[in-house]
Protein backbone atom coordinates (compact mmCIF):
# COMPACT_ATOMS: atom_id res chain seq x y z
CA GLN A 1 84.02 -119.73 133.73
CA VAL A 2 83.22 -117.30 131.13
CA LEU A 3 83.31 -113.83 132.97
CA LEU A 4 80.78 -110.43 131.19
CA VAL A 5 82.83 -107.34 132.12
CA GLU A 6 80.78 -103.74 131.38
CA SER A 7 82.39 -100.41 131.35
CA GLY A 8 80.97 -97.10 130.20
CA GLY A 9 79.13 -95.76 133.04
CA GLY A 10 78.54 -92.19 134.87
CA LEU A 11 77.39 -89.17 135.70
CA VAL A 12 75.10 -87.73 133.28
CA GLN A 13 72.97 -84.51 132.86
CA ALA A 14 69.65 -84.47 131.45
CA GLY A 15 70.12 -84.68 127.49
CA GLY A 16 73.96 -85.78 128.16
CA SER A 17 74.99 -89.08 126.32
CA LEU A 18 76.67 -92.37 127.34
CA ARG A 19 78.35 -95.45 125.73
CA LEU A 20 77.94 -98.76 127.68
CA SER A 21 80.19 -101.48 127.04
CA CYS A 22 80.35 -105.25 127.57
CA ALA A 23 82.69 -107.19 126.73
CA ALA A 24 82.83 -111.29 127.00
CA SER A 25 85.84 -113.92 127.70
CA GLY A 26 86.84 -117.34 128.90
CA SER A 27 86.42 -120.55 127.46
CA PHE A 28 82.85 -121.50 125.03
CA LEU A 29 82.24 -121.88 121.77
CA ARG A 30 80.13 -118.46 120.56
CA ILE A 31 77.49 -116.20 121.86
CA ASN A 32 73.60 -115.86 121.06
CA ASP A 33 71.30 -113.25 122.18
CA MET A 34 73.08 -110.40 124.25
CA ARG A 35 70.91 -107.93 125.96
CA TRP A 36 71.20 -105.18 128.85
CA TYR A 37 69.57 -105.02 131.75
CA ARG A 38 68.86 -101.90 134.16
CA GLN A 39 67.56 -101.39 138.07
CA ALA A 40 66.76 -98.57 139.42
CA PRO A 41 66.59 -98.38 143.41
CA GLY A 42 63.98 -99.63 144.67
CA LEU A 43 62.56 -101.40 141.09
CA GLN A 44 62.70 -104.88 139.59
CA ARG A 45 65.88 -105.94 137.07
CA GLU A 46 64.50 -105.17 133.78
CA LEU A 47 65.38 -105.61 129.82
CA VAL A 48 66.55 -102.26 128.17
CA ALA A 49 67.73 -103.94 124.97
CA SER A 50 68.47 -106.79 123.23
CA ILE A 51 69.87 -108.15 120.03
CA THR A 52 70.17 -111.44 118.29
CA ASN A 53 72.54 -111.76 115.10
CA GLU A 54 71.14 -108.60 113.41
CA ILE A 55 67.65 -108.08 115.36
CA THR A 56 67.20 -105.84 117.88
CA TYR A 57 64.05 -105.12 120.70
CA TYR A 58 63.95 -102.15 122.89
CA ILE A 59 61.32 -101.02 125.65
CA ASP A 60 59.40 -98.29 124.56
CA SER A 61 61.10 -96.00 126.90
CA VAL A 62 64.05 -96.22 125.81
CA THR A 63 62.98 -96.24 121.28
CA GLY A 64 65.39 -93.54 119.69
CA ARG A 65 66.77 -92.58 122.12
CA PHE A 66 69.49 -96.30 123.04
CA THR A 67 70.82 -97.92 120.53
CA ILE A 68 72.58 -102.07 120.95
CA SER A 69 75.60 -103.59 119.01
CA ARG A 70 77.44 -106.12 119.02
CA ASP A 71 81.07 -107.12 117.61
CA ASN A 72 81.10 -110.49 117.53
CA VAL A 73 85.08 -110.67 116.90
CA LYS A 74 85.84 -108.98 119.84
CA ASN A 75 82.38 -110.62 121.72
CA ALA A 76 81.46 -107.36 123.30
CA VAL A 77 78.48 -105.37 122.56
CA TYR A 78 77.41 -101.97 123.38
CA LEU A 79 74.32 -98.97 124.09
CA GLN A 80 74.89 -95.62 123.06
CA MET A 81 72.29 -93.98 124.19
CA HIS A 82 71.61 -90.61 123.75
CA SER A 83 69.12 -88.03 125.32
CA LEU A 84 69.57 -89.42 128.57
CA LYS A 85 66.82 -89.07 131.23
CA PHE A 86 66.81 -88.29 135.07
CA GLU A 87 65.11 -91.75 134.56
CA ASP A 88 67.48 -93.28 133.12
CA THR A 89 69.23 -93.95 136.20
CA GLY A 90 70.24 -97.29 137.99
CA THR A 91 72.79 -100.24 137.32
CA TYR A 92 73.22 -101.88 133.89
CA TYR A 93 73.78 -105.01 133.43
CA CYS A 94 75.35 -106.94 130.77
CA ASN A 95 73.59 -110.20 130.20
CA ALA A 96 74.32 -113.27 127.46
CA ASP A 97 73.06 -116.56 126.56
CA VAL A 98 76.89 -118.41 125.77
CA ALA A 99 77.42 -122.17 124.56
CA VAL A 100 79.87 -123.09 126.46
CA SER A 101 79.68 -126.20 124.64
CA THR A 102 77.58 -128.22 121.65
CA TYR A 103 74.64 -127.95 123.08
CA GLN A 104 75.14 -126.22 126.26
CA PHE A 105 73.74 -122.74 126.80
CA VAL A 106 74.33 -120.99 130.10
CA GLU A 107 73.11 -117.16 130.52
CA TYR A 108 75.80 -114.50 132.00
CA TRP A 109 75.40 -111.71 133.84
CA GLY A 110 78.16 -108.82 134.02
CA GLN A 111 78.67 -107.28 137.55
CA GLY A 112 76.82 -103.72 136.06
CA THR A 113 77.92 -100.25 135.24
CA GLN A 114 76.32 -97.54 137.44
CA VAL A 115 74.79 -94.44 135.22
CA THR A 116 73.16 -91.49 137.17
CA VAL A 117 71.37 -89.13 134.66
CA SER A 118 71.35 -85.05 137.12
CA SER A 119 68.23 -83.33 135.95
């Protein structure tokens, strides 16, 4: 069993910053892609950023404001968020492709952490 546990969410004023963290624990060989998704009330969950080795991807609305990074020793992924906007409000989920055996990858999700940006 693999657990992804997020932390770092909270309430922040527009223009402020937050740093989300997600750490993986359990029995596995390695972690491949790691991602951050978010879901606002009434909307579909959307991919915000991903990181594969050192290659990163961001959706247009967060490019230049958010930075995704990872620590392979700690099996963790981070999302540094600056210049937060009201529309960044939502529940942020960590997602990872985890090698549970030599040839088997399983996708895991964290429980989510709430980010609320007040305008």
